[in-house]
PDB file of N, CA and C in Angstrom:
ATOM      1  N   UNK A   1     108.273  96.313  95.215  1.00  0.00           N
ATOM      2  CA  UNK A   1     109.542  97.419  95.984  1.00  0.00           C
ATOM      3  C   UNK A   1     108.484  98.177  96.377  1.00  0.00           C
ATOM      4  N   UNK A   2     109.272  98.512  97.460  1.00  0.00           N
ATOM      5  CA  UNK A   2     108.668  99.689  98.605  1.00  0.00           C
ATOM      6  C   UNK A   2     109.726 101.106  98.696  1.00  0.00           C
ATOM      7  N   UNK A   3     108.825 101.980  99.011  1.00  0.00           N
ATOM      8  CA  UNK A   3     109.466 103.525  99.402  1.00  0.00           C
ATOM      9  C   UNK A   3     109.393 104.027 100.712  1.00  0.00           C
ATOM     10  N   UNK A   4     109.583 104.226 101.539  1.00  0.00           N
ATOM     11  CA  UNK A   4     109.389 104.411 102.446  1.00  0.00           C
ATOM     12  C   UNK A   4     109.945 106.376 102.275  1.00  0.00           C
ATOM     13  N   UNK A   5     108.728 107.369 102.076  1.00  0.00           N
ATOM     14  CA  UNK A   5     108.751 109.050 101.888  1.00  0.00           C
ATOM     15  C   UNK A   5     108.061 109.376 102.939  1.00  0.00           C
ATOM     16  N   UNK A   6     108.520 110.672 102.832  1.00  0.00           N
ATOM     17  CA  UNK A   6     107.743 111.601 103.568  1.00  0.00           C
ATOM     18  C   UNK A   6     106.409 111.664 103.433  1.00  0.00           C
ATOM     19  N   UNK A   7     105.494 111.380 104.427  1.00  0.00           N
ATOM     20  CA  UNK A   7     103.685 112.018 103.834  1.00  0.00           C
ATOM     21  C   UNK A   7     103.407 112.579 103.583  1.00  0.00           C
ATOM     22  N   UNK A   8     103.966 114.000 102.995  1.00  0.00           N
ATOM     23  CA  UNK A   8     103.525 115.081 101.827  1.00  0.00           C
ATOM     24  C   UNK A   8     103.569 115.366 100.538  1.00  0.00           C
ATOM     25  N   UNK A   9     104.579 114.247 100.379  1.00  0.00           N
ATOM     26  CA  UNK A   9     105.020 113.675  98.981  1.00  0.00           C
ATOM     27  C   UNK A   9     104.434 112.781  98.327  1.00  0.00           C
ATOM     28  N   UNK A  10     104.847 112.976  96.809  1.00  0.00           N
ATOM     29  CA  UNK A  10     104.008 112.026  96.665  1.00  0.00           C
ATOM     30  C   UNK A  10     104.797 110.971  96.037  1.00  0.00           C
ATOM     31  N   UNK A  11     104.644 109.996  95.670  1.00  0.00           N
ATOM     32  CA  UNK A  11     105.595 108.335  95.139  1.00  0.00           C
ATOM     33  C   UNK A  11     104.947 107.978  93.885  1.00  0.00           C
ATOM     34  N   UNK A  12     106.286 108.067  93.078  1.00  0.00           N
ATOM     35  CA  UNK A  12     105.128 106.916  91.941  1.00  0.00           C
ATOM     36  C   UNK A  12     106.746 105.873  91.759  1.00  0.00           C
ATOM     37  N   UNK A  13     106.194 104.403  91.246  1.00  0.00           N
ATOM     38  CA  UNK A  13     107.096 103.842  90.320  1.00  0.00           C
ATOM     39  C   UNK A  13     106.763 103.105  88.728  1.00  0.00           C
ATOM     40  N   UNK A  14     107.246 101.822  88.289  1.00  0.00           N
ATOM     41  CA  UNK A  14     106.648 101.412  87.307  1.00  0.00           C
ATOM     42  C   UNK A  14     105.325 100.571  87.138  1.00  0.00           C
ATOM     43  N   UNK A  15     105.009 100.529  88.974  1.00  0.00           N
ATOM     44  CA  UNK A  15     103.965  99.374  88.485  1.00  0.00           C
ATOM     45  C   UNK A  15     102.735 100.329  89.654  1.00  0.00           C
ATOM     46  N   UNK A  16     101.222  99.756  89.194  1.00  0.00           N
ATOM     47  CA  UNK A  16     100.621 100.245  90.357  1.00  0.00           C
ATOM     48  C   UNK A  16     100.855 100.142  92.207  1.00  0.00           C
ATOM     49  N   UNK A  17     100.203 101.571  93.016  1.00  0.00           N
ATOM     50  CA  UNK A  17     100.661 101.261  94.069  1.00  0.00           C
ATOM     51  C   UNK A  17      99.966 100.019  94.907  1.00  0.00           C
ATOM     52  N   UNK A  18     100.201  99.382  95.928  1.00  0.00           N
ATOM     53  CA  UNK A  18      99.837  97.684  96.291  1.00  0.00           C
ATOM     54  C   UNK A  18      99.293  97.970  97.232  1.00  0.00           C
ATOM     55  N   UNK A  19      99.897  99.184  98.024  1.00  0.00           N
ATOM     56  CA  UNK A  19      99.316  99.215  99.559  1.00  0.00           C
ATOM     57  C   UNK A  19     100.285 101.290  99.743  1.00  0.00           C
ATOM     58  N   UNK A  20      99.913 101.700 100.865  1.00  0.00           N
ATOM     59  CA  UNK A  20     100.142 103.012 101.295  1.00  0.00           C
ATOM     60  C   UNK A  20      99.773 103.346 102.615  1.00  0.00           C
ATOM     61  N   UNK A  21     101.442 102.877 103.908  1.00  0.00           N
ATOM     62  CA  UNK A  21     101.326 102.677 105.088  1.00  0.00           C
ATOM     63  C   UNK A  21     101.828 104.006 106.187  1.00  0.00           C
ATOM     64  N   UNK A  22     100.472 104.897 106.432  1.00  0.00           N
ATOM     65  CA  UNK A  22     101.352 105.945 107.757  1.00  0.00           C
ATOM     66  C   UNK A  22     102.006 105.244 108.197  1.00  0.00           C
ATOM     67  N   UNK A  23     103.041 105.592 108.598  1.00  0.00           N
ATOM     68  CA  UNK A  23     104.118 105.371 109.859  1.00  0.00           C
ATOM     69  C   UNK A  23     104.104 106.009 111.027  1.00  0.00           C
ATOM     70  N   UNK A  24     103.133 107.081 111.201  1.00  0.00           N
ATOM     71  CA  UNK A  24     102.609 107.937 112.362  1.00  0.00           C
ATOM     72  C   UNK A  24     103.966 109.124 112.245  1.00  0.00           C
ATOM     73  N   UNK A  25     104.945 108.790 111.776  1.00  0.00           N
ATOM     74  CA  UNK A  25     106.059 110.100 111.739  1.00  0.00           C
ATOM     75  C   UNK A  25     106.678 110.622 111.243  1.00  0.00           C
ATOM     76  N   UNK A  26     105.307 110.817 110.320  1.00  0.00           N
ATOM     77  CA  UNK A  26     105.520 112.034 109.059  1.00  0.00           C
ATOM     78  C   UNK A  26     105.956 111.612 107.805  1.00  0.00           C
ATOM     79  N   UNK A  27     106.294 110.439 108.036  1.00  0.00           N
ATOM     80  CA  UNK A  27     106.618 109.145 107.093  1.00  0.00           C
ATOM     81  C   UNK A  27     105.670 108.411 107.001  1.00  0.00           C
ATOM     82  N   UNK A  28     105.543 107.687 105.602  1.00  0.00           N
ATOM     83  CA  UNK A  28     104.851 106.385 105.024  1.00  0.00           C
ATOM     84  C   UNK A  28     105.713 105.458 103.798  1.00  0.00           C
ATOM     85  N   UNK A  29     104.817 104.554 104.121  1.00  0.00           N
ATOM     86  CA  UNK A  29     105.365 103.065 103.289  1.00  0.00           C
ATOM     87  C   UNK A  29     104.446 103.174 101.873  1.00  0.00           C
ATOM     88  N   UNK A  30     105.397 103.656 100.732  1.00  0.00           N
ATOM     89  CA  UNK A  30     104.174 103.248  99.575  1.00  0.00           C
ATOM     90  C   UNK A  30     104.897 101.961  98.564  1.00  0.00           C
ATOM     91  N   UNK A  31     104.003 100.695  98.749  1.00  0.00           N
ATOM     92  CA  UNK A  31     104.132  99.621  98.214  1.00  0.00           C
ATOM     93  C   UNK A  31     103.888  99.194  97.022  1.00  0.00           C
ATOM     94  N   UNK A  32     104.496  99.150  95.946  1.00  0.00           N
ATOM     95  CA  UNK A  32     104.274  98.677  94.399  1.00  0.00           C
ATOM     96  C   UNK A  32     103.708  97.458  94.115  1.00  0.00           C
ATOM     97  N   UNK A  33     103.015  96.818  93.139  1.00  0.00           N
ATOM     98  CA  UNK A  33     103.219  95.293  92.724  1.00  0.00           C
ATOM     99  C   UNK A  33     104.424  95.271  91.914  1.00  0.00           C
ATOM    100  N   UNK A  34     104.389  94.127  91.808  1.00  0.00           N
ATOM    101  CA  UNK A  34     105.621  93.016  90.890  1.00  0.00           C
ATOM    102  C   UNK A  34     105.073  94.021  89.473  1.00  0.00           C
ATOM    103  N   UNK A  35     106.265  94.140  89.102  1.00  0.00           N
ATOM    104  CA  UNK A  35     106.375  94.475  87.586  1.00  0.00           C
ATOM    105  C   UNK A  35     106.895  93.174  86.831  1.00  0.00           C
ATOM    106  N   UNK A  36     106.611  93.805  85.250  1.00  0.00           N
ATOM    107  CA  UNK A  36     106.951  92.497  84.534  1.00  0.00           C
ATOM    108  C   UNK A  36     108.782  92.663  85.013  1.00  0.00           C
ATOM    109  N   UNK A  37     109.035  91.521  83.891  1.00  0.00           N
ATOM    110  CA  UNK A  37     110.974  91.248  83.813  1.00  0.00           C
ATOM    111  C   UNK A  37     111.155  92.521  83.108  1.00  0.00           C
ATOM    112  N   UNK A  38     111.869  93.121  83.129  1.00  0.00           N
ATOM    113  CA  UNK A  38     112.678  93.895  83.024  1.00  0.00           C
ATOM    114  C   UNK A  38     114.574  94.480  83.121  1.00  0.00           C
ATOM    115  N   UNK A  39     115.049  95.124  82.762  1.00  0.00           N
ATOM    116  CA  UNK A  39     115.790  95.535  82.852  1.00  0.00           C
ATOM    117  C   UNK A  39     116.255  96.986  83.683  1.00  0.00           C
ATOM    118  N   UNK A  40     117.390  96.547  84.621  1.00  0.00           N
ATOM    119  CA  UNK A  40     117.075  97.425  85.855  1.00  0.00           C
ATOM    120  C   UNK A  40     116.950  98.856  85.235  1.00  0.00           C
ATOM    121  N   UNK A  41     117.829  99.707  84.110  1.00  0.00           N
ATOM    122  CA  UNK A  41     118.062 100.956  84.409  1.00  0.00           C
ATOM    123  C   UNK A  41     116.649 101.259  83.832  1.00  0.00           C
ATOM    124  N   UNK A  42     115.412 100.606  83.105  1.00  0.00           N
ATOM    125  CA  UNK A  42     114.389 101.175  83.262  1.00  0.00           C
ATOM    126  C   UNK A  42     113.805 101.337  84.451  1.00  0.00           C
ATOM    127  N   UNK A  43     113.799 100.834  85.870  1.00  0.00           N
ATOM    128  CA  UNK A  43     113.213 101.015  86.595  1.00  0.00           C
ATOM    129  C   UNK A  43     113.838 102.805  87.152  1.00  0.00           C
ATOM    130  N   UNK A  44     112.030 103.066  87.320  1.00  0.00           N
ATOM    131  CA  UNK A  44     111.411 104.682  87.350  1.00  0.00           C
ATOM    132  C   UNK A  44     111.146 105.097  89.627  1.00  0.00           C
ATOM    133  N   UNK A  45     111.485 105.516  90.336  1.00  0.00           N
ATOM    134  CA  UNK A  45     111.179 106.196  90.945  1.00  0.00           C
ATOM    135  C   UNK A  45     110.826 108.129  91.041  1.00  0.00           C
ATOM    136  N   UNK A  46     110.049 108.542  91.169  1.00  0.00           N
ATOM    137  CA  UNK A  46     109.497 109.593  91.304  1.00  0.00           C
ATOM    138  C   UNK A  46     108.757 109.546  92.579  1.00  0.00           C
ATOM    139  N   UNK A  47     109.478 110.916  93.180  1.00  0.00           N
ATOM    140  CA  UNK A  47     109.148 111.221  94.463  1.00  0.00           C
ATOM    141  C   UNK A  47     108.966 113.009  94.706  1.00  0.00           C
ATOM    142  N   UNK A  48     107.792 113.400  94.792  1.00  0.00           N
ATOM    143  CA  UNK A  48     108.283 114.639  95.263  1.00  0.00           C
ATOM    144  C   UNK A  48     107.284 115.426  95.560  1.00  0.00           C
ATOM    145  N   UNK A  49     106.914 116.709  95.389  1.00  0.00           N
ATOM    146  CA  UNK A  49     105.012 117.477  95.242  1.00  0.00           C
ATOM    147  C   UNK A  49     104.711 117.229  93.612  1.00  0.00           C
ATOM    148  N   UNK A  50     104.076 115.996  93.769  1.00  0.00           N
ATOM    149  CA  UNK A  50     102.898 116.217  92.451  1.00  0.00           C
ATOM    150  C   UNK A  50     102.024 116.015  92.533  1.00  0.00           C
ATOM    151  N   UNK A  51     101.427 115.981  91.519  1.00  0.00           N
ATOM    152  CA  UNK A  51      99.696 115.509  91.352  1.00  0.00           C
ATOM    153  C   UNK A  51      99.459 114.953  90.241  1.00  0.00           C
ATOM    154  N   UNK A  52      98.695 114.220  89.528  1.00  0.00           N
ATOM    155  CA  UNK A  52      98.752 113.298  88.751  1.00  0.00           C
ATOM    156  C   UNK A  52      96.780 113.722  88.349  1.00  0.00           C
ATOM    157  N   UNK A  53      96.931 113.904  86.933  1.00  0.00           N
ATOM    158  CA  UNK A  53      95.583 113.841  85.455  1.00  0.00           C
ATOM    159  C   UNK A  53      94.859 112.517  86.316  1.00  0.00           C
ATOM    160  N   UNK A  54      93.626 112.808  85.989  1.00  0.00           N
ATOM    161  CA  UNK A  54      92.774 111.235  86.166  1.00  0.00           C
ATOM    162  C   UNK A  54      93.125 110.336  84.260  1.00  0.00           C
ATOM    163  N   UNK A  55      93.012 109.179  85.261  1.00  0.00           N
ATOM    164  CA  UNK A  55      93.387 108.340  84.080  1.00  0.00           C
ATOM    165  C   UNK A  55      92.821 109.056  82.391  1.00  0.00           C
ATOM    166  N   UNK A  56      93.361 108.661  81.414  1.00  0.00           N
ATOM    167  CA  UNK A  56      92.603 108.803  80.379  1.00  0.00           C
ATOM    168  C   UNK A  56      92.865 106.846  79.803  1.00  0.00           C
ATOM    169  N   UNK A  57      91.736 106.567  79.298  1.00  0.00           N
ATOM    170  CA  UNK A  57      91.559 104.832  79.193  1.00  0.00           C
ATOM    171  C   UNK A  57      91.935 105.312  77.406  1.00  0.00           C
ATOM    172  N   UNK A  58      92.862 104.728  76.786  1.00  0.00           N
ATOM    173  CA  UNK A  58      93.710 104.633  75.493  1.00  0.00           C
ATOM    174  C   UNK A  58      93.727 102.946  75.255  1.00  0.00           C
ATOM    175  N   UNK A  59      92.576 102.760  75.061  1.00  0.00           N
ATOM    176  CA  UNK A  59      91.869 100.921  74.208  1.00  0.00           C
ATOM    177  C   UNK A  59      92.429 100.215  75.384  1.00  0.00           C
ATOM    178  N   UNK A  60      92.441 100.467  76.266  1.00  0.00           N
ATOM    179  CA  UNK A  60      92.294  99.514  77.757  1.00  0.00           C
ATOM    180  C   UNK A  60      92.992  99.998  78.700  1.00  0.00           C
ATOM    181  N   UNK A  61      94.292 100.842  77.844  1.00  0.00           N
ATOM    182  CA  UNK A  61      95.272 101.095  79.331  1.00  0.00           C
ATOM    183  C   UNK A  61      95.265 102.502  79.781  1.00  0.00           C
ATOM    184  N   UNK A  62      95.567 102.460  80.826  1.00  0.00           N
ATOM    185  CA  UNK A  62      94.982 104.331  81.766  1.00  0.00           C
ATOM    186  C   UNK A  62      96.091 104.800  81.576  1.00  0.00           C
ATOM    187  N   UNK A  63      96.184 105.834  81.061  1.00  0.00           N
ATOM    188  CA  UNK A  63      97.703 107.082  80.556  1.00  0.00           C
ATOM    189  C   UNK A  63      97.158 107.887  81.751  1.00  0.00           C
ATOM    190  N   UNK A  64      98.294 108.315  82.511  1.00  0.00           N
ATOM    191  CA  UNK A  64      98.220 109.588  83.929  1.00  0.00           C
ATOM    192  C   UNK A  64      99.392 110.319  83.730  1.00  0.00           C
ATOM    193  N   UNK A  65      99.413 111.504  83.464  1.00  0.00           N
ATOM    194  CA  UNK A  65     100.220 112.477  83.175  1.00  0.00           C
ATOM    195  C   UNK A  65     100.694 113.271  84.919  1.00  0.00           C
ATOM    196  N   UNK A  66     101.776 113.071  85.355  1.00  0.00           N
ATOM    197  CA  UNK A  66     102.361 113.072  86.732  1.00  0.00           C
ATOM    198  C   UNK A  66     103.279 114.891  86.452  1.00  0.00           C
ATOM    199  N   UNK A  67     102.481 115.824  87.218  1.00  0.00           N
ATOM    200  CA  UNK A  67     103.242 116.820  87.138  1.00  0.00           C
ATOM    201  C   UNK A  67     103.608 117.815  88.375  1.00  0.00           C
ATOM    202  N   UNK A  68     104.180 118.464  88.217  1.00  0.00           N
ATOM    203  CA  UNK A  68     104.211 119.377  89.637  1.00  0.00           C
ATOM    204  C   UNK A  68     102.674 120.493  89.952  1.00  0.00           C
ATOM    205  N   UNK A  69     103.045 120.407  91.099  1.00  0.00           N
ATOM    206  CA  UNK A  69     101.686 121.139  91.837  1.00  0.00           C
ATOM    207  C   UNK A  69     101.330 122.024  91.367  1.00  0.00           C
ATOM    208  N   UNK A  70     100.268 122.252  90.582  1.00  0.00           N
ATOM    209  CA  UNK A  70      99.585 123.871  90.196  1.00  0.00           C
ATOM    210  C   UNK A  70      99.942 124.490  88.399  1.00  0.00           C
ATOM    211  N   UNK A  71     100.486 122.559  88.317  1.00  0.00           N
ATOM    212  CA  UNK A  71     100.661 122.848  86.370  1.00  0.00           C
ATOM    213  C   UNK A  71      99.607 121.885  85.793  1.00  0.00           C
ATOM    214  N   UNK A  72      98.222 121.810  86.122  1.00  0.00           N
ATOM    215  CA  UNK A  72      97.444 120.833  85.254  1.00  0.00           C
ATOM    216  C   UNK A  72      97.177 121.456  84.210  1.00  0.00           C
ATOM    217  N   UNK A  73      97.761 123.179  83.828  1.00  0.00           N
ATOM    218  CA  UNK A  73      97.192 123.397  82.720  1.00  0.00           C
ATOM    219  C   UNK A  73      97.992 123.685  81.132  1.00  0.00           C
ATOM    220  N   UNK A  74      99.458 122.958  82.122  1.00  0.00           N
ATOM    221  CA  UNK A  74     100.168 122.509  81.191  1.00  0.00           C
ATOM    222  C   UNK A  74     100.506 120.498  80.796  1.00  0.00           C
ATOM    223  N   UNK A  75      99.209 119.710  81.088  1.00  0.00           N
ATOM    224  CA  UNK A  75      99.403 118.413  81.142  1.00  0.00           C
ATOM    225  C   UNK A  75      97.967 117.964  79.241  1.00  0.00           C
ATOM    226  N   UNK A  76      97.797 118.805  78.703  1.00  0.00           N
ATOM    227  CA  UNK A  76      96.803 118.600  77.941  1.00  0.00           C
ATOM    228  C   UNK A  76      97.582 117.914  76.500  1.00  0.00           C
ATOM    229  N   UNK A  77      98.433 118.730  76.320  1.00  0.00           N
ATOM    230  CA  UNK A  77      99.212 117.895  75.301  1.00  0.00           C
ATOM    231  C   UNK A  77      99.816 116.359  75.598  1.00  0.00           C
ATOM    232  N   UNK A  78     100.568 116.556  76.748  1.00  0.00           N
ATOM    233  CA  UNK A  78     101.130 115.639  77.220  1.00  0.00           C
ATOM    234  C   UNK A  78      99.743 114.201  77.249  1.00  0.00           C
ATOM    235  N   UNK A  79      98.937 114.627  77.096  1.00  0.00           N
ATOM    236  CA  UNK A  79      97.955 113.630  77.298  1.00  0.00           C
ATOM    237  C   UNK A  79      97.277 112.898  75.870  1.00  0.00           C
ATOM    238  N   UNK A  80      97.484 113.832  75.112  1.00  0.00           N
ATOM    239  CA  UNK A  80      97.443 113.954  73.601  1.00  0.00           C
ATOM    240  C   UNK A  80      98.564 112.352  73.141  1.00  0.00           C
ATOM    241  N   UNK A  81      99.883 113.658  73.331  1.00  0.00           N
ATOM    242  CA  UNK A  81     100.390 112.570  72.879  1.00  0.00           C
ATOM    243  C   UNK A  81     101.223 111.474  73.159  1.00  0.00           C
ATOM    244  N   UNK A  82     100.887 111.051  74.663  1.00  0.00           N
ATOM    245  CA  UNK A  82     100.852 109.717  75.346  1.00  0.00           C
ATOM    246  C   UNK A  82      99.543 108.722  74.299  1.00  0.00           C
ATOM    247  N   UNK A  83      98.553 109.600  74.576  1.00  0.00           N
ATOM    248  CA  UNK A  83      97.774 108.891  73.341  1.00  0.00           C
ATOM    249  C   UNK A  83      98.300 108.280  72.375  1.00  0.00           C
ATOM    250  N   UNK A  84      98.315 109.078  71.647  1.00  0.00           N
ATOM    251  CA  UNK A  84      98.844 108.866  69.897  1.00  0.00           C
ATOM    252  C   UNK A  84     100.366 107.848  70.232  1.00  0.00           C
ATOM    253  N   UNK A  85     101.092 108.084  71.318  1.00  0.00           N
ATOM    254  CA  UNK A  85     102.341 106.523  71.212  1.00  0.00           C
ATOM    255  C   UNK A  85     101.803 105.957  71.332  1.00  0.00           C
ATOM    256  N   UNK A  86     100.783 105.742  72.033  1.00  0.00           N
ATOM    257  CA  UNK A  86     100.397 104.105  72.911  1.00  0.00           C
ATOM    258  C   UNK A  86      99.839 103.685  71.697  1.00  0.00           C
ATOM    259  N   UNK A  87      98.809 104.460  70.770  1.00  0.00           N
ATOM    260  CA  UNK A  87      98.372 103.646  69.408  1.00  0.00           C
ATOM    261  C   UNK A  87      99.294 103.365  68.603  1.00  0.00           C
ATOM    262  N   UNK A  88      99.851 104.270  68.272  1.00  0.00           N
ATOM    263  CA  UNK A  88     100.563 104.432  66.854  1.00  0.00           C
ATOM    264  C   UNK A  88     101.746 103.152  67.630  1.00  0.00           C
ATOM    265  N   UNK A  89     102.144 102.769  68.532  1.00  0.00           N
ATOM    266  CA  UNK A  89     102.982 101.353  69.094  1.00  0.00           C
ATOM    267  C   UNK A  89     102.504 100.075  68.954  1.00  0.00           C
ATOM    268  N   UNK A  90     101.188 100.325  69.562  1.00  0.00           N
ATOM    269  CA  UNK A  90     100.355  99.113  69.617  1.00  0.00           C
ATOM    270  C   UNK A  90     100.496  98.595  67.936  1.00  0.00           C
ATOM    271  N   UNK A  91      99.792  99.895  67.164  1.00  0.00           N
ATOM    272  CA  UNK A  91      99.724  99.485  65.750  1.00  0.00           C
ATOM    273  C   UNK A  91     100.881  98.960  65.127  1.00  0.00           C
ATOM    274  N   UNK A  92     102.120  99.490  65.306  1.00  0.00           N
ATOM    275  CA  UNK A  92     103.124  99.914  64.488  1.00  0.00           C
ATOM    276  C   UNK A  92     103.433  97.847  64.809  1.00  0.00           C
ATOM    277  N   UNK A  93     104.071  98.171  65.955  1.00  0.00           N
ATOM    278  CA  UNK A  93     104.192  96.565  66.638  1.00  0.00           C
ATOM    279  C   UNK A  93     102.577  95.116  66.221  1.00  0.00           C
ATOM    280  N   UNK A  94     101.793  95.457  66.670  1.00  0.00           N
ATOM    281  CA  UNK A  94     100.690  94.714  66.591  1.00  0.00           C
ATOM    282  C   UNK A  94     100.621  93.898  67.291  1.00  0.00           C
ATOM    283  N   UNK A  95     100.789  94.590  68.566  1.00  0.00           N
ATOM    284  CA  UNK A  95     100.449  93.951  69.992  1.00  0.00           C
ATOM    285  C   UNK A  95      99.806  94.715  70.343  1.00  0.00           C
ATOM    286  N   UNK A  96      99.278  94.635  71.960  1.00  0.00           N
ATOM    287  CA  UNK A  96      98.602  95.973  72.331  1.00  0.00           C
ATOM    288  C   UNK A  96      99.829  95.880  73.309  1.00  0.00           C
ATOM    289  N   UNK A  97      99.514  96.972  74.304  1.00  0.00           N
ATOM    290  CA  UNK A  97     100.590  97.527  74.639  1.00  0.00           C
ATOM    291  C   UNK A  97     100.309  96.617  76.421  1.00  0.00           C
ATOM    292  N   UNK A  98     102.365  96.085  76.826  1.00  0.00           N
ATOM    293  CA  UNK A  98     101.799  94.862  77.413  1.00  0.00           C
ATOM    294  C   UNK A  98     101.803  95.461  78.877  1.00  0.00           C
ATOM    295  N   UNK A  99     102.426  96.763  79.348  1.00  0.00           N
ATOM    296  CA  UNK A  99     101.833  97.045  80.580  1.00  0.00           C
ATOM    297  C   UNK A  99     100.447  97.209  81.142  1.00  0.00           C
ATOM    298  N   UNK A 100     100.154  97.374  82.413  1.00  0.00           N
ATOM    299  CA  UNK A 100      98.859  97.731  83.090  1.00  0.00           C
ATOM    300  C   UNK A 100      98.093  98.824  83.090  1.00  0.00           C
ATOM    301  N   UNK A 101      99.445  99.884  82.728  1.00  0.00           N
ATOM    302  CA  UNK A 101      98.973 101.190  82.309  1.00  0.00           C
ATOM    303  C   UNK A 101     100.251 102.431  82.323  1.00  0.00           C
ATOM    304  N   UNK A 102     100.681 103.207  82.096  1.00  0.00           N
ATOM    305  CA  UNK A 102     101.041 104.384  81.485  1.00  0.00           C
ATOM    306  C   UNK A 102     100.970 105.703  82.261  1.00  0.00           C
ATOM    307  N   UNK A 103     102.281 105.731  83.531  1.00  0.00           N
ATOM    308  CA  UNK A 103     102.167 107.076  83.807  1.00  0.00           C
ATOM    309  C   UNK A 103     103.798 108.162  82.943  1.00  0.00           C
ATOM    310  N   UNK A 104     103.011 109.479  82.822  1.00  0.00           N
ATOM    311  CA  UNK A 104     104.108 110.114  82.489  1.00  0.00           C
ATOM    312  C   UNK A 104     104.705 110.968  83.213  1.00  0.00           C
ATOM    313  N   UNK A 105     105.494 110.930  83.936  1.00  0.00           N
ATOM    314  CA  UNK A 105     106.058 112.653  84.602  1.00  0.00           C
ATOM    315  C   UNK A 105     106.658 113.439  84.301  1.00  0.00           C
ATOM    316  N   UNK A 106     106.165 114.805  84.229  1.00  0.00           N
ATOM    317  CA  UNK A 106     107.154 116.038  83.531  1.00  0.00           C
ATOM    318  C   UNK A 106     107.786 116.713  85.723  1.00  0.00           C
ATOM    319  N   UNK A 107     109.184 116.837  84.742  1.00  0.00           N
ATOM    320  CA  UNK A 107     109.919 117.591  86.028  1.00  0.00           C
ATOM    321  C   UNK A 107     110.907 117.792  85.086  1.00  0.00           C
ATOM    322  N   UNK A 108     111.760 118.913  86.202  1.00  0.00           N
ATOM    323  CA  UNK A 108     112.564 119.399  85.176  1.00  0.00           C
ATOM    324  C   UNK A 108     114.192 118.662  85.190  1.00  0.00           C
ATOM    325  N   UNK A 109     114.735 117.456  85.116  1.00  0.00           N
ATOM    326  CA  UNK A 109     116.563 117.136  84.936  1.00  0.00           C
ATOM    327  C   UNK A 109     116.745 116.354  83.711  1.00  0.00           C
ATOM    328  N   UNK A 110     115.830 115.922  83.503  1.00  0.00           N
ATOM    329  CA  UNK A 110     115.586 115.058  81.703  1.00  0.00           C
ATOM    330  C   UNK A 110     115.290 114.134  81.329  1.00  0.00           C
ATOM    331  N   UNK A 111     114.886 114.233  80.136  1.00  0.00           N
ATOM    332  CA  UNK A 111     113.862 113.226  79.109  1.00  0.00           C
ATOM    333  C   UNK A 111     114.362 112.053  79.417  1.00  0.00           C
ATOM    334  N   UNK A 112     113.544 111.118  79.795  1.00  0.00           N
ATOM    335  CA  UNK A 112     113.938 109.620  79.814  1.00  0.00           C
ATOM    336  C   UNK A 112     112.302 108.793  79.321  1.00  0.00           C
ATOM    337  N   UNK A 113     113.152 107.843  78.942  1.00  0.00           N
ATOM    338  CA  UNK A 113     112.295 106.752  78.644  1.00  0.00           C
ATOM    339  C   UNK A 113     111.982 105.497  79.545  1.00  0.00           C
ATOM    340  N   UNK A 114     111.115 105.481  79.917  1.00  0.00           N
ATOM    341  CA  UNK A 114     111.292 103.791  81.582  1.00  0.00           C
ATOM    342  C   UNK A 114     109.906 103.054  81.348  1.00  0.00           C
ATOM    343  N   UNK A 115     109.898 101.684  80.925  1.00  0.00           N
ATOM    344  CA  UNK A 115     108.830 100.921  81.101  1.00  0.00           C
ATOM    345  C   UNK A 115     107.747 101.547  81.896  1.00  0.00           C
ATOM    346  N   UNK A 116     106.370 101.897  81.022  1.00  0.00           N
ATOM    347  CA  UNK A 116     105.036 101.924  81.706  1.00  0.00           C
ATOM    348  C   UNK A 116     105.254 103.203  82.346  1.00  0.00           C
ATOM    349  N   UNK A 117     106.369 103.756  82.726  1.00  0.00           N
ATOM    350  CA  UNK A 117     106.671 105.603  83.843  1.00  0.00           C
ATOM    351  C   UNK A 117     107.425 105.891  82.702  1.00  0.00           C
ATOM    352  N   UNK A 118     107.073 107.081  81.809  1.00  0.00           N
ATOM    353  CA  UNK A 118     108.385 107.824  80.553  1.00  0.00           C
ATOM    354  C   UNK A 118     108.422 109.344  81.643  1.00  0.00           C
ATOM    355  N   UNK A 119     109.353 109.870  81.879  1.00  0.00           N
ATOM    356  CA  UNK A 119     109.860 111.183  82.863  1.00  0.00           C
ATOM    357  C   UNK A 119     110.403 112.149  81.602  1.00  0.00           C
ATOM    358  N   UNK A 120     109.894 113.107  81.515  1.00  0.00           N
ATOM    359  CA  UNK A 120     110.462 114.573  81.037  1.00  0.00           C
ATOM    360  C   UNK A 120     110.508 115.155  81.565  1.00  0.00           C
ATOM    361  N   UNK A 121     111.099 116.475  81.027  1.00  0.00           N
ATOM    362  CA  UNK A 121     111.373 117.739  81.147  1.00  0.00           C
ATOM    363  C   UNK A 121     110.522 118.911  80.826  1.00  0.00           C
ATOM    364  N   UNK A 122     110.256 119.781  81.073  1.00  0.00           N
ATOM    365  CA  UNK A 122     109.743 121.098  79.989  1.00  0.00           C
ATOM    366  C   UNK A 122     111.246 121.938  79.390  1.00  0.00           C
ATOM    367  N   UNK A 123     112.161 121.732  80.181  1.00  0.00           N
ATOM    368  CA  UNK A 123     113.096 122.583  80.271  1.00  0.00           C
ATOM    369  C   UNK A 123     114.463 121.391  78.511  1.00  0.00           C
ATOM    370  N   UNK A 124     113.859 120.543  78.801  1.00  0.00           N
ATOM    371  CA  UNK A 124     114.843 119.468  78.193  1.00  0.00           C
ATOM    372  C   UNK A 124     114.227 118.861  76.721  1.00  0.00           C
ATOM    373  N   UNK A 125     112.836 118.565  76.785  1.00  0.00           N
ATOM    374  CA  UNK A 125     112.284 117.495  75.519  1.00  0.00           C
ATOM    375  C   UNK A 125     111.095 119.036  75.161  1.00  0.00           C
ATOM    376  N   UNK A 126     111.171 119.447  73.876  1.00  0.00           N
ATOM    377  CA  UNK A 126     110.025 119.971  73.385  1.00  0.00           C
ATOM    378  C   UNK A 126     108.884 119.750  73.479  1.00  0.00           C
ATOM    379  N   UNK A 127     109.120 118.426  73.830  1.00  0.00           N
ATOM    380  CA  UNK A 127     107.074 117.893  73.524  1.00  0.00           C
ATOM    381  C   UNK A 127     106.521 118.563  74.850  1.00  0.00           C
ATOM    382  N   UNK A 128     107.262 118.633  75.906  1.00  0.00           N
ATOM    383  CA  UNK A 128     106.314 118.761  76.942  1.00  0.00           C
ATOM    384  C   UNK A 128     106.240 120.300  77.037  1.00  0.00           C
TER     385      UNK A 128
END
């Protein structure tokens, strides 16, 4: 998948970035690695003025929290909850998490679960 976005905005999807190409006109194209097969309703694109935490290794799965600029102080609980969820479900189903990483984004629209990318809202989700 490829997204062409304004250069000053961050872009995230369900898989890691494979390339980031500056188009020289205030735009850039972000390419993502192929995802595993999944239902189309699980595909997520997150574009905006965001930043992310350093990756936290949860049993070999890098976990990051993507958040609006200036809200780094609000990510601690999300990292703890995400790490707990990854470990809980890996143990519950007795299989390791099947994707390469997990990114949890916090923004104000709604609360949605996405494969490899979870999208949450401070106004709609009590965990945020």
